[in-house]
Amino acid sequence: TSRGQLELANQNEQLRGELARLRGQIEVLRNEVESLKARQRDFYVDLDDRLRKLEGGPAAGAPEASAATPAGDPAAESADYEAALGLLKDGKHREALAAFERFAAKYPAGSFTPGAHFWAGNSALQAKDLAAANKHFETVLTKWPQDPSAPDAMLGLANSQQATGDAAATRRTLQNLVDRYPQSNAAQIARQRLAAR
């Protein structure tokens, strides 16, 4: 009947409208994801630049190269570190984690080693390997508490704890961050998060 055909045509038109609306939403979300990826890449580049400027040489508190462990080739060390950072910037989090772990094992007394553990923690956090994230952030805090990456490592540890749902540990870590590194940018973020709770 013509009435049934009219209802079918109306339903078809409604479905087409709904499909167009959903396609629009998908496009908006796709653009937002691309924007977030770009912002995350920019954040990593900026944070790495800031850490390098602060480090200026071997990190404070970094262990001295012993006679048993030769200093190695600084150019090779830098190239290995840059290669691992490149993987992270490209969003290859698991590969970056493995590269930073290899770097830390190869250059245990290197000037970039605190940064390698910090970035390994971030890579692990992005890859949802929270145990590895905790391990690397805690390594920075234990071995190099005065390194410029230490406040950000503590914030990363809080993020990892939050991802596991441990609100009490997250709050303790954020408060500890404010207490130990009160002038850091990470402490400002911690204060905001503590105030929002």
Foldseek 3Di string as FASTA:
>chain_A
DVVVVVVVVVVVVVVVVVVVVVVVVVVVVVVVVVVVLVVVLVVLVVVVVVLCVVLVAAFVLQDDQDPVGDQDDPVVLVVLLVVLSVCVSVVVLVSSLVSLVVSCVNRVRGSCNLVSLLSNLVSCVSVVVLVSNLVSLVCSCVRRVPRPCNLVSLLSNLVSCVVVVNPVVSLVSLVVSCVSPVPDPSNVVSVVVNVVD
